[in-house]
């Protein structure tokens, strides 16, 4: 199992990010303290893997050192637990930190795994054909 994060997994397209947060875009949300996630399927891009970004608002953590620390913890939790998520789907995910203080890695990992499971469940529920 390869645990490396590749550049193609970063969500850095301004249009994709704007589309993710645009009202009426069909983006879904999940919350598992201290992380909130916003995601949507994006079939218009070339990469065949999920892409993600991490946001730690300055309003929540005032010091840059703390924001970088939480960004690293969220990235590490995603890297180690992305196997819970289908890797062949073109999904854009934004992880947003919502706590107002530094949280230990165990809390962050628990939140990220819950969010990934919720996203996985919603994606697999969309795949199941309905008998009409």
N, C-alpha and C. Protein backbone atom coordinates (compact mmCIF):
# COMPACT_ATOMS: atom_id res chain seq x y z
N UNK A 1 0.85 -1.17 0.00
CA UNK A 1 0.00 0.00 0.00
C UNK A 1 0.89 1.23 0.00
N UNK A 2 0.67 2.11 -0.95
CA UNK A 2 1.46 3.33 -1.07
C UNK A 2 0.80 4.44 -0.26
N UNK A 3 1.52 5.00 0.69
CA UNK A 3 0.96 6.03 1.56
C UNK A 3 1.40 7.43 1.18
N UNK A 4 2.07 7.57 0.06
CA UNK A 4 2.58 8.87 -0.33
C UNK A 4 1.45 9.75 -0.88
N UNK A 5 1.54 11.04 -0.62
CA UNK A 5 0.62 12.00 -1.21
C UNK A 5 1.27 12.58 -2.46
N UNK A 6 0.57 12.53 -3.56
CA UNK A 6 1.08 13.04 -4.82
C UNK A 6 0.51 14.43 -5.10
N UNK A 7 1.19 15.17 -5.94
CA UNK A 7 0.75 16.51 -6.29
C UNK A 7 -0.62 16.48 -6.96
N UNK A 8 -0.91 15.44 -7.73
CA UNK A 8 -2.19 15.38 -8.43
C UNK A 8 -3.37 15.25 -7.45
N UNK A 9 -3.09 14.94 -6.18
CA UNK A 9 -4.15 14.83 -5.18
C UNK A 9 -4.49 16.16 -4.53
N UNK A 10 -3.70 17.19 -4.81
CA UNK A 10 -3.98 18.52 -4.27
C UNK A 10 -5.03 19.21 -5.11
N UNK A 11 -5.98 19.81 -4.46
CA UNK A 11 -6.98 20.61 -5.16
C UNK A 11 -6.48 22.05 -5.18
N UNK A 12 -6.01 22.49 -6.33
CA UNK A 12 -5.45 23.84 -6.41
C UNK A 12 -6.02 24.65 -7.56
N UNK A 13 -6.97 24.11 -8.29
CA UNK A 13 -7.61 24.84 -9.37
C UNK A 13 -8.60 25.85 -8.79
N UNK A 14 -8.41 27.11 -9.14
CA UNK A 14 -9.29 28.16 -8.62
C UNK A 14 -10.73 27.95 -9.05
N UNK A 15 -10.94 27.50 -10.28
CA UNK A 15 -12.31 27.28 -10.74
C UNK A 15 -12.97 26.11 -10.01
N UNK A 16 -12.20 25.06 -9.73
CA UNK A 16 -12.76 23.91 -9.00
C UNK A 16 -13.10 24.30 -7.56
N UNK A 17 -12.24 25.11 -6.95
CA UNK A 17 -12.49 25.55 -5.57
C UNK A 17 -13.71 26.46 -5.54
N UNK A 18 -13.80 27.40 -6.49
CA UNK A 18 -14.97 28.28 -6.55
C UNK A 18 -16.25 27.48 -6.78
N UNK A 19 -16.18 26.48 -7.64
CA UNK A 19 -17.35 25.64 -7.91
C UNK A 19 -17.75 24.83 -6.68
N UNK A 20 -16.76 24.44 -5.88
CA UNK A 20 -17.04 23.65 -4.68
C UNK A 20 -17.82 24.47 -3.66
N UNK A 21 -17.48 25.76 -3.53
CA UNK A 21 -18.12 26.61 -2.53
C UNK A 21 -19.23 27.49 -3.08
N UNK A 22 -19.52 27.39 -4.36
CA UNK A 22 -20.57 28.22 -4.96
C UNK A 22 -21.94 27.77 -4.46
N UNK A 23 -22.83 28.73 -4.19
CA UNK A 23 -24.18 28.34 -3.79
C UNK A 23 -24.90 27.64 -4.93
N UNK A 24 -25.59 26.58 -4.61
CA UNK A 24 -26.31 25.82 -5.62
C UNK A 24 -25.44 24.89 -6.43
N UNK A 25 -24.22 24.62 -5.96
CA UNK A 25 -23.30 23.77 -6.72
C UNK A 25 -23.59 22.29 -6.50
N UNK A 26 -24.44 21.97 -5.55
CA UNK A 26 -24.72 20.57 -5.26
C UNK A 26 -23.69 19.94 -4.35
N UNK A 27 -22.84 20.75 -3.73
CA UNK A 27 -21.82 20.23 -2.83
C UNK A 27 -22.48 19.74 -1.55
N UNK A 28 -22.00 18.63 -1.05
CA UNK A 28 -22.52 18.04 0.18
C UNK A 28 -21.60 18.38 1.33
N UNK A 29 -22.12 18.30 2.55
CA UNK A 29 -21.35 18.66 3.73
C UNK A 29 -21.42 17.56 4.76
N UNK A 30 -20.32 17.44 5.53
CA UNK A 30 -20.27 16.49 6.63
C UNK A 30 -19.52 17.16 7.77
N UNK A 31 -19.90 16.84 8.99
CA UNK A 31 -19.26 17.45 10.15
C UNK A 31 -18.87 16.35 11.13
N UNK A 32 -17.64 16.38 11.57
CA UNK A 32 -17.16 15.49 12.63
C UNK A 32 -16.09 16.29 13.37
N UNK A 33 -16.44 16.84 14.50
CA UNK A 33 -15.57 17.75 15.22
C UNK A 33 -14.19 17.14 15.39
N UNK A 34 -13.15 17.87 15.11
CA UNK A 34 -12.95 19.28 14.80
C UNK A 34 -12.84 19.58 13.31
N UNK A 35 -13.39 18.74 12.46
CA UNK A 35 -13.26 18.93 11.01
C UNK A 35 -14.64 18.94 10.37
N UNK A 36 -14.80 19.85 9.43
CA UNK A 36 -15.99 19.88 8.58
C UNK A 36 -15.52 19.66 7.16
N UNK A 37 -16.29 18.95 6.37
CA UNK A 37 -15.89 18.68 4.99
C UNK A 37 -16.99 19.12 4.05
N UNK A 38 -16.56 19.65 2.91
CA UNK A 38 -17.45 20.00 1.82
C UNK A 38 -16.92 19.24 0.62
N UNK A 39 -17.79 18.52 -0.10
CA UNK A 39 -17.31 17.75 -1.24
C UNK A 39 -18.36 17.70 -2.34
N UNK A 40 -17.87 17.42 -3.53
CA UNK A 40 -18.75 17.21 -4.69
C UNK A 40 -17.99 16.41 -5.73
N UNK A 41 -18.73 15.70 -6.54
CA UNK A 41 -18.09 14.97 -7.64
C UNK A 41 -17.82 15.95 -8.78
N UNK A 42 -16.64 15.81 -9.38
CA UNK A 42 -16.22 16.69 -10.45
C UNK A 42 -15.75 15.83 -11.62
N UNK A 43 -16.62 15.58 -12.56
CA UNK A 43 -16.29 14.72 -13.69
C UNK A 43 -15.55 15.44 -14.81
N UNK A 44 -15.33 16.74 -14.66
CA UNK A 44 -14.74 17.50 -15.76
C UNK A 44 -13.22 17.59 -15.69
N UNK A 45 -12.60 16.98 -14.72
CA UNK A 45 -11.14 17.09 -14.64
C UNK A 45 -10.46 15.81 -15.07
N UNK A 46 -9.14 15.90 -15.27
CA UNK A 46 -8.39 14.79 -15.85
C UNK A 46 -7.92 13.77 -14.82
N UNK A 47 -7.62 14.20 -13.61
CA UNK A 47 -7.09 13.28 -12.59
C UNK A 47 -8.17 12.28 -12.17
N UNK A 48 -7.80 11.02 -12.09
CA UNK A 48 -8.75 9.97 -11.70
C UNK A 48 -8.66 9.63 -10.23
N UNK A 49 -8.39 10.61 -9.40
CA UNK A 49 -8.28 10.37 -7.97
C UNK A 49 -8.97 11.52 -7.24
N UNK A 50 -9.32 11.32 -5.99
CA UNK A 50 -9.89 12.42 -5.22
C UNK A 50 -8.85 13.52 -5.02
N UNK A 51 -9.29 14.76 -5.03
CA UNK A 51 -8.41 15.88 -4.75
C UNK A 51 -8.94 16.60 -3.52
N UNK A 52 -8.03 17.10 -2.69
CA UNK A 52 -8.46 17.72 -1.44
C UNK A 52 -7.68 18.99 -1.17
N UNK A 53 -8.26 19.82 -0.31
CA UNK A 53 -7.58 20.98 0.21
C UNK A 53 -7.92 21.11 1.68
N UNK A 54 -7.07 21.80 2.41
CA UNK A 54 -7.24 21.96 3.85
C UNK A 54 -7.29 23.43 4.18
N UNK A 55 -8.30 23.84 4.94
CA UNK A 55 -8.43 25.24 5.34
C UNK A 55 -8.45 25.32 6.86
N UNK A 56 -7.56 26.14 7.39
CA UNK A 56 -7.55 26.42 8.83
C UNK A 56 -7.69 27.94 8.95
N UNK A 57 -8.89 28.43 9.28
CA UNK A 57 -9.13 29.87 9.27
C UNK A 57 -8.33 30.62 10.34
N UNK A 58 -7.90 31.80 9.97
CA UNK A 58 -7.17 32.67 10.88
C UNK A 58 -8.07 33.11 12.03
N UNK A 59 -9.35 33.14 11.78
CA UNK A 59 -10.31 33.50 12.83
C UNK A 59 -10.30 32.47 13.97
N UNK A 60 -10.05 31.21 13.63
CA UNK A 60 -10.03 30.14 14.64
C UNK A 60 -8.70 30.06 15.37
N UNK A 61 -7.61 30.05 14.62
CA UNK A 61 -6.27 29.96 15.20
C UNK A 61 -5.47 31.18 14.74
N UNK A 62 -5.16 32.06 15.67
CA UNK A 62 -4.55 33.33 15.32
C UNK A 62 -3.09 33.21 14.90
N UNK A 63 -2.37 32.25 15.46
CA UNK A 63 -0.94 32.14 15.20
C UNK A 63 -0.68 31.23 14.00
N UNK A 64 0.17 31.67 13.11
CA UNK A 64 0.49 30.92 11.90
C UNK A 64 1.08 29.55 12.24
N UNK A 65 1.86 29.49 13.30
CA UNK A 65 2.47 28.22 13.71
C UNK A 65 1.38 27.20 14.05
N UNK A 66 0.34 27.66 14.73
CA UNK A 66 -0.76 26.76 15.09
C UNK A 66 -1.55 26.33 13.85
N UNK A 67 -1.77 27.26 12.92
CA UNK A 67 -2.48 26.91 11.69
C UNK A 67 -1.71 25.87 10.88
N UNK A 68 -0.41 26.04 10.78
CA UNK A 68 0.42 25.08 10.03
C UNK A 68 0.41 23.73 10.73
N UNK A 69 0.47 23.72 12.05
CA UNK A 69 0.43 22.47 12.81
C UNK A 69 -0.87 21.71 12.54
N UNK A 70 -1.99 22.41 12.58
CA UNK A 70 -3.27 21.74 12.35
C UNK A 70 -3.39 21.28 10.90
N UNK A 71 -2.88 22.06 9.97
CA UNK A 71 -2.89 21.66 8.57
C UNK A 71 -2.10 20.37 8.38
N UNK A 72 -0.96 20.28 9.03
CA UNK A 72 -0.15 19.06 8.94
C UNK A 72 -0.85 17.87 9.56
N UNK A 73 -1.52 18.08 10.68
CA UNK A 73 -2.23 16.97 11.34
C UNK A 73 -3.39 16.47 10.47
N UNK A 74 -4.11 17.38 9.86
CA UNK A 74 -5.22 16.98 9.00
C UNK A 74 -4.70 16.24 7.78
N UNK A 75 -3.63 16.75 7.18
CA UNK A 75 -3.04 16.11 6.00
C UNK A 75 -2.55 14.70 6.33
N UNK A 76 -1.92 14.55 7.48
CA UNK A 76 -1.43 13.23 7.90
C UNK A 76 -2.59 12.27 8.14
N UNK A 77 -3.65 12.75 8.79
CA UNK A 77 -4.80 11.89 9.04
C UNK A 77 -5.45 11.46 7.73
N UNK A 78 -5.53 12.36 6.75
CA UNK A 78 -6.08 12.00 5.45
C UNK A 78 -5.18 10.99 4.74
N UNK A 79 -3.88 11.24 4.78
CA UNK A 79 -2.92 10.36 4.09
C UNK A 79 -3.01 8.93 4.62
N UNK A 80 -3.13 8.78 5.91
CA UNK A 80 -3.14 7.44 6.51
C UNK A 80 -4.51 6.76 6.43
N UNK A 81 -5.58 7.52 6.21
CA UNK A 81 -6.92 6.93 6.23
C UNK A 81 -7.67 7.07 4.92
N UNK A 82 -7.01 7.45 3.85
CA UNK A 82 -7.72 7.61 2.58
C UNK A 82 -8.12 6.27 1.97
N UNK A 83 -7.64 5.16 2.53
CA UNK A 83 -8.07 3.85 2.04
C UNK A 83 -9.54 3.59 2.36
N UNK A 84 -10.14 4.37 3.27
CA UNK A 84 -11.56 4.23 3.61
C UNK A 84 -12.46 4.80 2.52
N UNK A 85 -11.86 5.37 1.52
CA UNK A 85 -12.54 6.16 0.52
C UNK A 85 -12.27 5.55 -0.85
N UNK A 86 -13.23 5.51 -1.78
CA UNK A 86 -12.96 4.97 -3.11
C UNK A 86 -11.95 5.84 -3.85
N UNK A 87 -10.85 5.25 -4.29
CA UNK A 87 -9.76 6.03 -4.87
C UNK A 87 -9.92 6.28 -6.36
N UNK A 88 -10.96 5.73 -6.98
CA UNK A 88 -11.12 5.91 -8.42
C UNK A 88 -12.17 6.96 -8.77
N UNK A 89 -12.72 7.63 -7.78
CA UNK A 89 -13.76 8.64 -8.02
C UNK A 89 -13.14 10.02 -8.15
N UNK A 90 -13.71 10.84 -9.00
CA UNK A 90 -13.25 12.22 -9.18
C UNK A 90 -14.05 13.11 -8.24
N UNK A 91 -13.55 13.23 -7.03
CA UNK A 91 -14.23 13.98 -5.99
C UNK A 91 -13.32 15.10 -5.51
N UNK A 92 -13.89 16.28 -5.32
CA UNK A 92 -13.18 17.40 -4.72
C UNK A 92 -13.63 17.51 -3.27
N UNK A 93 -12.66 17.56 -2.35
CA UNK A 93 -12.97 17.61 -0.93
C UNK A 93 -12.24 18.78 -0.31
N UNK A 94 -12.93 19.53 0.54
CA UNK A 94 -12.31 20.59 1.33
C UNK A 94 -12.49 20.24 2.80
N UNK A 95 -11.39 20.11 3.52
CA UNK A 95 -11.43 19.88 4.96
C UNK A 95 -11.27 21.24 5.63
N UNK A 96 -12.22 21.61 6.48
CA UNK A 96 -12.20 22.90 7.15
C UNK A 96 -12.12 22.66 8.65
N UNK A 97 -11.12 23.26 9.28
CA UNK A 97 -10.91 23.11 10.71
C UNK A 97 -11.88 24.04 11.44
N UNK A 98 -12.64 23.54 12.40
CA UNK A 98 -13.67 24.35 13.06
C UNK A 98 -13.42 24.58 14.54
N UNK A 99 -12.45 23.91 15.15
CA UNK A 99 -12.18 24.13 16.57
C UNK A 99 -11.44 25.45 16.75
N UNK A 100 -11.54 26.02 17.94
CA UNK A 100 -10.91 27.32 18.17
C UNK A 100 -9.60 27.20 18.95
N UNK A 101 -9.13 25.99 19.15
CA UNK A 101 -7.83 25.78 19.81
C UNK A 101 -7.16 24.57 19.17
N UNK A 102 -5.89 24.39 19.46
CA UNK A 102 -5.17 23.23 18.95
C UNK A 102 -5.77 21.96 19.53
N UNK A 103 -5.98 20.97 18.69
CA UNK A 103 -6.50 19.68 19.14
C UNK A 103 -5.43 18.64 18.92
N UNK A 104 -5.39 17.60 19.77
CA UNK A 104 -4.40 16.53 19.56
C UNK A 104 -4.68 15.75 18.28
N UNK A 105 -3.65 15.11 17.79
CA UNK A 105 -3.75 14.36 16.53
C UNK A 105 -4.85 13.31 16.60
N UNK A 106 -5.03 12.67 17.75
CA UNK A 106 -6.04 11.61 17.86
C UNK A 106 -7.44 12.15 17.59
N UNK A 107 -7.74 13.36 18.06
CA UNK A 107 -9.05 13.97 17.78
C UNK A 107 -9.20 14.28 16.30
N UNK A 108 -8.14 14.81 15.71
CA UNK A 108 -8.18 15.17 14.29
C UNK A 108 -8.36 13.91 13.44
N UNK A 109 -7.63 12.86 13.77
CA UNK A 109 -7.73 11.62 13.00
C UNK A 109 -9.13 11.02 13.12
N UNK A 110 -9.71 11.06 14.30
CA UNK A 110 -11.06 10.55 14.50
C UNK A 110 -12.06 11.32 13.64
N UNK A 111 -11.93 12.64 13.61
CA UNK A 111 -12.83 13.46 12.80
C UNK A 111 -12.67 13.20 11.31
N UNK A 112 -11.42 13.09 10.84
CA UNK A 112 -11.18 12.86 9.42
C UNK A 112 -11.69 11.49 9.00
N UNK A 113 -11.49 10.47 9.81
CA UNK A 113 -11.99 9.13 9.45
C UNK A 113 -13.51 9.11 9.41
N UNK A 114 -14.16 9.79 10.32
CA UNK A 114 -15.63 9.85 10.30
C UNK A 114 -16.13 10.53 9.03
N UNK A 115 -15.48 11.64 8.69
CA UNK A 115 -15.87 12.37 7.48
C UNK A 115 -15.66 11.51 6.24
N UNK A 116 -14.52 10.83 6.15
CA UNK A 116 -14.25 9.99 4.98
C UNK A 116 -15.26 8.85 4.87
N UNK A 117 -15.65 8.29 6.00
CA UNK A 117 -16.67 7.23 5.96
C UNK A 117 -18.01 7.77 5.50
N UNK A 118 -18.38 8.97 5.96
CA UNK A 118 -19.64 9.58 5.53
C UNK A 118 -19.63 9.85 4.02
N UNK A 119 -18.51 10.35 3.51
CA UNK A 119 -18.40 10.62 2.08
C UNK A 119 -18.49 9.31 1.30
N UNK A 120 -17.79 8.29 1.79
CA UNK A 120 -17.80 6.99 1.12
C UNK A 120 -19.21 6.41 1.08
N UNK A 121 -19.93 6.50 2.20
CA UNK A 121 -21.30 6.00 2.24
C UNK A 121 -22.19 6.74 1.25
N UNK A 122 -22.05 8.05 1.18
CA UNK A 122 -22.91 8.80 0.26
C UNK A 122 -22.57 8.50 -1.19
N UNK A 123 -21.30 8.28 -1.50
CA UNK A 123 -20.92 7.95 -2.87
C UNK A 123 -21.39 6.56 -3.27
N UNK A 124 -21.30 5.60 -2.36
CA UNK A 124 -21.77 4.25 -2.69
C UNK A 124 -23.29 4.19 -2.74
N UNK A 125 -23.97 5.05 -1.98
CA UNK A 125 -25.43 5.10 -2.04
C UNK A 125 -25.88 5.65 -3.38
N UNK A 126 -25.09 6.57 -3.96
CA UNK A 126 -25.42 7.13 -5.27
C UNK A 126 -25.25 6.10 -6.39
N UNK A 127 -24.34 5.14 -6.19
CA UNK A 127 -24.05 4.14 -7.22
C UNK A 127 -25.11 3.07 -7.33
N UNK A 128 -25.79 2.76 -6.24
CA UNK A 128 -26.72 1.64 -6.25
C UNK A 128 -27.91 1.96 -7.16
N UNK A 129 -28.20 1.08 -8.11
CA UNK A 129 -29.34 1.33 -9.00
C UNK A 129 -30.65 1.16 -8.25
N UNK A 130 -31.60 1.97 -8.64
CA UNK A 130 -32.91 1.91 -7.99
C UNK A 130 -33.86 1.12 -8.87
N UNK A 131 -34.67 0.28 -8.23
CA UNK A 131 -35.67 -0.50 -8.97
C UNK A 131 -36.95 0.32 -9.03
N UNK A 132 -37.31 0.78 -10.20
CA UNK A 132 -38.54 1.58 -10.36
C UNK A 132 -39.66 0.78 -10.95
